Amino acid sequence: MTLTVTALTGAAIANAIPALAELRIAVFREFPYMYDGSLQYEAAYLQTYMECANSLIVTVQDGAEIVGASSALPLAFETPELRQPFEARGWDVRHVFYLAESVLLPAYRGRGLGHRFFEEREAHARRLSGFTHSAFCAVKRADDHPAKAGGPRSLEMFWRGRGYAPDNALTATLHWQEIGQITQTPHEMGFWVKALEP
C-alpha cells in the first residue's frame, strides 16, 4: 500500500474540501465525539481554512482517495469559543498555533500517520515564526460513558509522548448534535498545550 502525504495551504485547500467534509463526518461519528454532521456545515467550517493564508491541511491519500487529514491554523483565526479560554488567562492568541483536528479511517491507523500529522503541523508553525506554543482541544467524556468500551483507544499517552500536557485552566464549551439526538448539546473541551522550540 502506497500512501501519499500532502500539505495544502490557503486556496489550495479548496479542491479537497468535499472529500474532507465526508471524511470528518465519517470519523467523528465514532466515540468520543459521536457527531451527527452534515456536508453543508462541514463545507462552511472548512471555508475558514481557505480564507486564512497561514492555515494548513495535511492529507493522506490511498491512490485518489483521501483517507486521512489533519488541520491547523493560527488560534487568532479560530472561533471566539476557542480563543476566549486563552484570552481570559492572559495568553496572546497571536502566538498560539491551533491544531484543530486529525481524522483517519480505521484501516489506516497504527502506521505512524498520527505522528506525521503533528510533525507537519508543528513544522508549519515554526516556519511561520512568532508562535511560541501549539495547542489543541479534545472532548471530555466520563470514564463510565456507555459508548467508551467499544470506542477507539484513548490518545492521551500518545499526546503526552508528543510533548503535550493538559492545561486544566483552559476549557471551552462547544455545541454539536450527537447521533440519535434532535438538537445540539453542549460538550466540555479540555486543552492540551506544548511550547514550540525554535
C-alpha atoms as a PDB file:
ATOM      1  CA  MET A   1       0.000   0.000   0.000  1.00  0.00           C
ATOM      2  CA  THR A   2       1.466   3.338  -1.076  1.00  0.00           C
ATOM      3  CA  LEU A   3       0.179   6.370   0.776  1.00  0.00           C
ATOM      4  CA  THR A   4       0.768   9.962  -0.286  1.00  0.00           C
ATOM      5  CA  VAL A   5       1.009  12.734   2.308  1.00  0.00           C
ATOM      6  CA  THR A   6       0.416  16.274   1.008  1.00  0.00           C
ATOM      7  CA  ALA A   7       0.460  19.636   2.798  1.00  0.00           C
ATOM      8  CA  LEU A   8      -2.135  22.110   1.498  1.00  0.00           C
ATOM      9  CA  THR A   9      -2.296  25.797   2.380  1.00  0.00           C
ATOM     10  CA  GLY A  10      -4.681  28.686   1.699  1.00  0.00           C
ATOM     11  CA  ALA A  11      -6.625  28.490  -1.542  1.00  0.00           C
ATOM     12  CA  ALA A  12      -5.046  25.145  -2.445  1.00  0.00           C
ATOM     13  CA  ILE A  13      -7.348  23.581   0.147  1.00  0.00           C
ATOM     14  CA  ALA A  14     -10.452  24.255  -1.966  1.00  0.00           C
ATOM     15  CA  ASN A  15     -10.321  21.155  -4.167  1.00  0.00           C
ATOM     16  CA  ALA A  16     -10.033  18.870  -1.139  1.00  0.00           C
ATOM     17  CA  ILE A  17     -12.963  20.306   0.821  1.00  0.00           C
ATOM     18  CA  PRO A  18     -15.734  17.921  -0.395  1.00  0.00           C
ATOM     19  CA  ALA A  19     -13.640  14.846   0.444  1.00  0.00           C
ATOM     20  CA  LEU A  20     -12.522  16.350   3.746  1.00  0.00           C
ATOM     21  CA  ALA A  21     -16.113  17.082   4.746  1.00  0.00           C
ATOM     22  CA  GLU A  22     -17.164  13.471   4.139  1.00  0.00           C
ATOM     23  CA  LEU A  23     -14.106  12.147   5.980  1.00  0.00           C
ATOM     24  CA  ARG A  24     -14.725  14.316   9.045  1.00  0.00           C
ATOM     25  CA  ILE A  25     -18.365  13.214   9.230  1.00  0.00           C
ATOM     26  CA  ALA A  26     -17.388   9.542   8.979  1.00  0.00           C
ATOM     27  CA  VAL A  27     -14.627   9.605  11.602  1.00  0.00           C
ATOM     28  CA  PHE A  28     -16.312  11.894  14.116  1.00  0.00           C
ATOM     29  CA  ARG A  29     -19.338   9.585  14.290  1.00  0.00           C
ATOM     30  CA  GLU A  30     -17.134   7.369  16.468  1.00  0.00           C
ATOM     31  CA  PHE A  31     -16.731   7.724  20.215  1.00  0.00           C
ATOM     32  CA  PRO A  32     -15.807  10.062  21.850  1.00  0.00           C
ATOM     33  CA  TYR A  33     -17.431  12.677  19.559  1.00  0.00           C
ATOM     34  CA  MET A  34     -20.421  10.724  18.206  1.00  0.00           C
ATOM     35  CA  TYR A  35     -21.031  13.689  15.902  1.00  0.00           C
ATOM     36  CA  ASP A  36     -24.039  13.675  13.585  1.00  0.00           C
ATOM     37  CA  GLY A  37     -22.620  16.001  10.943  1.00  0.00           C
ATOM     38  CA  SER A  38     -23.804  17.469   7.666  1.00  0.00           C
ATOM     39  CA  LEU A  39     -21.923  18.265   4.479  1.00  0.00           C
ATOM     40  CA  GLN A  40     -23.340  21.793   4.482  1.00  0.00           C
ATOM     41  CA  TYR A  41     -21.971  22.578   7.945  1.00  0.00           C
ATOM     42  CA  GLU A  42     -18.615  20.986   7.190  1.00  0.00           C
ATOM     43  CA  ALA A  43     -18.158  22.956   3.982  1.00  0.00           C
ATOM     44  CA  ALA A  44     -18.869  26.202   5.838  1.00  0.00           C
ATOM     45  CA  TYR A  45     -16.493  25.239   8.663  1.00  0.00           C
ATOM     46  CA  LEU A  46     -13.669  24.393   6.263  1.00  0.00           C
ATOM     47  CA  GLN A  47     -14.100  27.701   4.439  1.00  0.00           C
ATOM     48  CA  THR A  48     -12.062  29.331   7.216  1.00  0.00           C
ATOM     49  CA  TYR A  49      -9.024  27.343   6.125  1.00  0.00           C
ATOM     50  CA  MET A  50      -9.302  28.665   2.599  1.00  0.00           C
ATOM     51  CA  GLU A  51      -9.528  32.228   3.815  1.00  0.00           C
ATOM     52  CA  CYS A  52      -6.581  32.073   6.217  1.00  0.00           C
ATOM     53  CA  ALA A  53      -3.263  32.333   4.369  1.00  0.00           C
ATOM     54  CA  ASN A  54      -1.395  30.596   7.203  1.00  0.00           C
ATOM     55  CA  SER A  55      -3.728  27.627   7.603  1.00  0.00           C
ATOM     56  CA  LEU A  56      -2.621  24.082   6.863  1.00  0.00           C
ATOM     57  CA  ILE A  57      -4.384  20.857   5.973  1.00  0.00           C
ATOM     58  CA  VAL A  58      -2.319  17.699   5.655  1.00  0.00           C
ATOM     59  CA  THR A  59      -3.995  14.981   3.593  1.00  0.00           C
ATOM     60  CA  VAL A  60      -3.250  11.278   3.295  1.00  0.00           C
ATOM     61  CA  GLN A  61      -4.272   9.629   0.055  1.00  0.00           C
ATOM     62  CA  ASP A  62      -4.500   5.989  -0.909  1.00  0.00           C
ATOM     63  CA  GLY A  63      -4.463   6.359  -4.659  1.00  0.00           C
ATOM     64  CA  ALA A  64      -7.020   9.052  -5.456  1.00  0.00           C
ATOM     65  CA  GLU A  65      -8.962   8.631  -2.200  1.00  0.00           C
ATOM     66  CA  ILE A  66      -8.335  10.905   0.788  1.00  0.00           C
ATOM     67  CA  VAL A  67      -8.264   8.554   3.783  1.00  0.00           C
ATOM     68  CA  GLY A  68      -6.931  10.938   6.410  1.00  0.00           C
ATOM     69  CA  ALA A  69      -6.465  14.620   7.112  1.00  0.00           C
ATOM     70  CA  SER A  70      -5.172  16.946   9.778  1.00  0.00           C
ATOM     71  CA  SER A  71      -5.839  20.672  10.077  1.00  0.00           C
ATOM     72  CA  ALA A  72      -4.281  23.660  11.826  1.00  0.00           C
ATOM     73  CA  LEU A  73      -4.282  27.454  11.770  1.00  0.00           C
ATOM     74  CA  PRO A  74      -3.316  30.395  13.991  1.00  0.00           C
ATOM     75  CA  LEU A  75      -5.576  30.495  17.034  1.00  0.00           C
ATOM     76  CA  ALA A  76      -6.331  34.151  16.269  1.00  0.00           C
ATOM     77  CA  PHE A  77      -8.390  32.948  13.280  1.00  0.00           C
ATOM     78  CA  GLU A  78     -10.415  30.443  15.287  1.00  0.00           C
ATOM     79  CA  THR A  79     -13.891  30.945  16.728  1.00  0.00           C
ATOM     80  CA  PRO A  80     -14.453  33.053  19.873  1.00  0.00           C
ATOM     81  CA  GLU A  81     -15.325  29.879  21.812  1.00  0.00           C
ATOM     82  CA  LEU A  82     -11.783  28.577  21.287  1.00  0.00           C
ATOM     83  CA  ARG A  83      -9.965  31.886  21.680  1.00  0.00           C
ATOM     84  CA  GLN A  84     -11.729  33.033  24.832  1.00  0.00           C
ATOM     85  CA  PRO A  85     -10.241  30.476  27.281  1.00  0.00           C
ATOM     86  CA  PHE A  86      -6.742  31.627  26.334  1.00  0.00           C
ATOM     87  CA  GLU A  87      -7.588  35.323  26.346  1.00  0.00           C
ATOM     88  CA  ALA A  88      -9.219  35.012  29.776  1.00  0.00           C
ATOM     89  CA  ARG A  89      -5.971  33.575  31.156  1.00  0.00           C
ATOM     90  CA  GLY A  90      -3.833  36.330  29.665  1.00  0.00           C
ATOM     91  CA  TRP A  91      -2.488  34.483  26.625  1.00  0.00           C
ATOM     92  CA  ASP A  92      -1.716  36.392  23.446  1.00  0.00           C
ATOM     93  CA  VAL A  93      -3.531  34.229  20.894  1.00  0.00           C
ATOM     94  CA  ARG A  94      -1.354  35.641  18.113  1.00  0.00           C
ATOM     95  CA  HIS A  95       1.444  33.407  19.445  1.00  0.00           C
ATOM     96  CA  VAL A  96      -0.568  30.174  19.657  1.00  0.00           C
ATOM     97  CA  PHE A  97      -0.868  27.812  16.691  1.00  0.00           C
ATOM     98  CA  TYR A  98      -4.053  25.773  16.951  1.00  0.00           C
ATOM     99  CA  LEU A  99      -4.028  22.123  15.890  1.00  0.00           C
ATOM    100  CA  ALA A 100      -7.662  21.676  15.016  1.00  0.00           C
ATOM    101  CA  GLU A 101      -8.440  18.053  14.118  1.00  0.00           C
ATOM    102  CA  SER A 102      -6.926  14.854  12.840  1.00  0.00           C
ATOM    103  CA  VAL A 103      -9.138  12.239  11.196  1.00  0.00           C
ATOM    104  CA  LEU A 104      -8.041   8.910   9.771  1.00  0.00           C
ATOM    105  CA  LEU A 105     -10.091   5.957   8.563  1.00  0.00           C
ATOM    106  CA  PRO A 106      -9.702   2.905  10.849  1.00  0.00           C
ATOM    107  CA  ALA A 107      -7.882   0.754   8.264  1.00  0.00           C
ATOM    108  CA  TYR A 108      -5.022   3.277   8.129  1.00  0.00           C
ATOM    109  CA  ARG A 109      -4.387   3.696  11.839  1.00  0.00           C
ATOM    110  CA  GLY A 110      -1.275   2.338  13.526  1.00  0.00           C
ATOM    111  CA  ARG A 111       1.020   3.287  10.620  1.00  0.00           C
ATOM    112  CA  GLY A 112       2.669   6.329  12.186  1.00  0.00           C
ATOM    113  CA  LEU A 113       0.424   8.834  10.437  1.00  0.00           C
ATOM    114  CA  GLY A 114      -0.636  10.404  13.731  1.00  0.00           C
ATOM    115  CA  HIS A 115       2.996  11.343  14.383  1.00  0.00           C
ATOM    116  CA  ARG A 116       3.306  12.654  10.843  1.00  0.00           C
ATOM    117  CA  PHE A 117       0.266  14.885  11.361  1.00  0.00           C
ATOM    118  CA  PHE A 118       1.829  16.500  14.424  1.00  0.00           C
ATOM    119  CA  GLU A 119       5.243  16.834  12.775  1.00  0.00           C
ATOM    120  CA  GLU A 120       3.835  18.563   9.705  1.00  0.00           C
ATOM    121  CA  ARG A 121       1.685  20.989  11.670  1.00  0.00           C
ATOM    122  CA  GLU A 122       4.377  21.910  14.194  1.00  0.00           C
ATOM    123  CA  ALA A 123       6.934  22.392  11.404  1.00  0.00           C
ATOM    124  CA  HIS A 124       4.488  24.692   9.613  1.00  0.00           C
ATOM    125  CA  ALA A 125       4.076  26.783  12.782  1.00  0.00           C
ATOM    126  CA  ARG A 126       7.844  27.108  13.155  1.00  0.00           C
ATOM    127  CA  ARG A 127       8.243  28.196   9.532  1.00  0.00           C
ATOM    128  CA  LEU A 128       5.698  30.949  10.068  1.00  0.00           C
ATOM    129  CA  SER A 129       7.638  32.209  13.120  1.00  0.00           C
ATOM    130  CA  GLY A 130       6.143  34.156  16.002  1.00  0.00           C
ATOM    131  CA  PHE A 131       4.385  31.128  17.512  1.00  0.00           C
ATOM    132  CA  THR A 132       5.540  30.143  20.980  1.00  0.00           C
ATOM    133  CA  HIS A 133       3.030  27.358  21.634  1.00  0.00           C
ATOM    134  CA  SER A 134       0.853  24.853  19.837  1.00  0.00           C
ATOM    135  CA  ALA A 135      -2.417  23.658  21.330  1.00  0.00           C
ATOM    136  CA  PHE A 136      -5.471  21.553  20.636  1.00  0.00           C
ATOM    137  CA  CYS A 137      -8.594  20.520  22.494  1.00  0.00           C
ATOM    138  CA  ALA A 138     -10.411  17.244  22.985  1.00  0.00           C
ATOM    139  CA  VAL A 139     -13.856  16.412  24.281  1.00  0.00           C
ATOM    140  CA  LYS A 140     -14.112  15.277  27.892  1.00  0.00           C
ATOM    141  CA  ARG A 141     -16.154  12.138  28.470  1.00  0.00           C
ATOM    142  CA  ALA A 142     -16.987  10.331  31.693  1.00  0.00           C
ATOM    143  CA  ASP A 143     -14.969   7.176  32.336  1.00  0.00           C
ATOM    144  CA  ASP A 144     -18.219   5.213  32.643  1.00  0.00           C
ATOM    145  CA  HIS A 145     -19.742   6.514  29.395  1.00  0.00           C
ATOM    146  CA  PRO A 146     -21.679   3.580  27.848  1.00  0.00           C
ATOM    147  CA  ALA A 147     -20.051   4.029  24.416  1.00  0.00           C
ATOM    148  CA  LYS A 148     -16.481   4.092  25.729  1.00  0.00           C
ATOM    149  CA  ALA A 149     -15.922   0.333  25.858  1.00  0.00           C
ATOM    150  CA  GLY A 150     -16.465  -0.110  22.140  1.00  0.00           C
ATOM    151  CA  GLY A 151     -14.726   3.085  21.052  1.00  0.00           C
ATOM    152  CA  PRO A 152     -11.175   3.779  19.892  1.00  0.00           C
ATOM    153  CA  ARG A 153      -8.368   3.693  22.463  1.00  0.00           C
ATOM    154  CA  SER A 154      -7.538   6.821  24.411  1.00  0.00           C
ATOM    155  CA  LEU A 155      -4.927   9.038  22.758  1.00  0.00           C
ATOM    156  CA  GLU A 156      -3.700  10.675  25.958  1.00  0.00           C
ATOM    157  CA  MET A 157      -0.460   8.673  26.166  1.00  0.00           C
ATOM    158  CA  PHE A 158       0.230   9.447  22.505  1.00  0.00           C
ATOM    159  CA  TRP A 159      -0.304  13.171  23.084  1.00  0.00           C
ATOM    160  CA  ARG A 160       1.977  13.147  26.134  1.00  0.00           C
ATOM    161  CA  GLY A 161       4.611  11.357  24.070  1.00  0.00           C
ATOM    162  CA  ARG A 162       4.467  14.224  21.582  1.00  0.00           C
ATOM    163  CA  GLY A 163       5.233  16.679  24.409  1.00  0.00           C
ATOM    164  CA  TYR A 164       1.708  17.932  25.112  1.00  0.00           C
ATOM    165  CA  ALA A 165       0.213  18.336  28.570  1.00  0.00           C
ATOM    166  CA  PRO A 166      -3.343  19.130  29.631  1.00  0.00           C
ATOM    167  CA  ASP A 167      -3.888  22.645  30.980  1.00  0.00           C
ATOM    168  CA  ASN A 168      -6.801  22.351  33.368  1.00  0.00           C
ATOM    169  CA  ALA A 169      -7.186  26.131  33.462  1.00  0.00           C
ATOM    170  CA  LEU A 170      -8.196  26.115  29.796  1.00  0.00           C
ATOM    171  CA  THR A 171     -11.635  24.718  28.971  1.00  0.00           C
ATOM    172  CA  ALA A 172     -14.227  25.528  26.336  1.00  0.00           C
ATOM    173  CA  THR A 173     -17.794  24.514  25.591  1.00  0.00           C
ATOM    174  CA  LEU A 174     -18.701  23.550  22.037  1.00  0.00           C
ATOM    175  CA  HIS A 175     -22.123  22.512  20.774  1.00  0.00           C
ATOM    176  CA  TRP A 176     -22.931  19.795  18.282  1.00  0.00           C
ATOM    177  CA  GLN A 177     -25.640  17.255  17.575  1.00  0.00           C
ATOM    178  CA  GLU A 178     -24.839  13.714  18.622  1.00  0.00           C
ATOM    179  CA  ILE A 179     -26.103  10.625  16.830  1.00  0.00           C
ATOM    180  CA  GLY A 180     -29.645   9.918  17.954  1.00  0.00           C
ATOM    181  CA  GLN A 181     -30.303  13.456  19.177  1.00  0.00           C
ATOM    182  CA  ILE A 182     -32.514  16.061  17.543  1.00  0.00           C
ATOM    183  CA  THR A 183     -30.810  19.190  18.898  1.00  0.00           C
ATOM    184  CA  GLN A 184     -27.287  20.361  19.583  1.00  0.00           C
ATOM    185  CA  THR A 185     -25.984  19.851  23.111  1.00  0.00           C
ATOM    186  CA  PRO A 186     -23.015  21.369  24.990  1.00  0.00           C
ATOM    187  CA  HIS A 187     -19.749  19.457  25.312  1.00  0.00           C
ATOM    188  CA  GLU A 188     -16.830  20.340  27.564  1.00  0.00           C
ATOM    189  CA  MET A 189     -13.475  20.526  25.800  1.00  0.00           C
ATOM    190  CA  GLY A 190     -10.093  20.336  27.502  1.00  0.00           C
ATOM    191  CA  PHE A 191      -6.945  21.902  26.024  1.00  0.00           C
ATOM    192  CA  TRP A 192      -3.506  20.346  25.608  1.00  0.00           C
ATOM    193  CA  VAL A 193      -0.545  22.684  25.171  1.00  0.00           C
ATOM    194  CA  LYS A 194       3.118  22.415  24.124  1.00  0.00           C
ATOM    195  CA  ALA A 195       5.906  25.012  23.958  1.00  0.00           C
ATOM    196  CA  LEU A 196       7.306  25.195  20.427  1.00  0.00           C
ATOM    197  CA  GLU A 197      11.073  25.114  20.389  1.00  0.00           C
ATOM    198  CA  PRO A 198      12.769  27.207  17.654  1.00  0.00           C
END
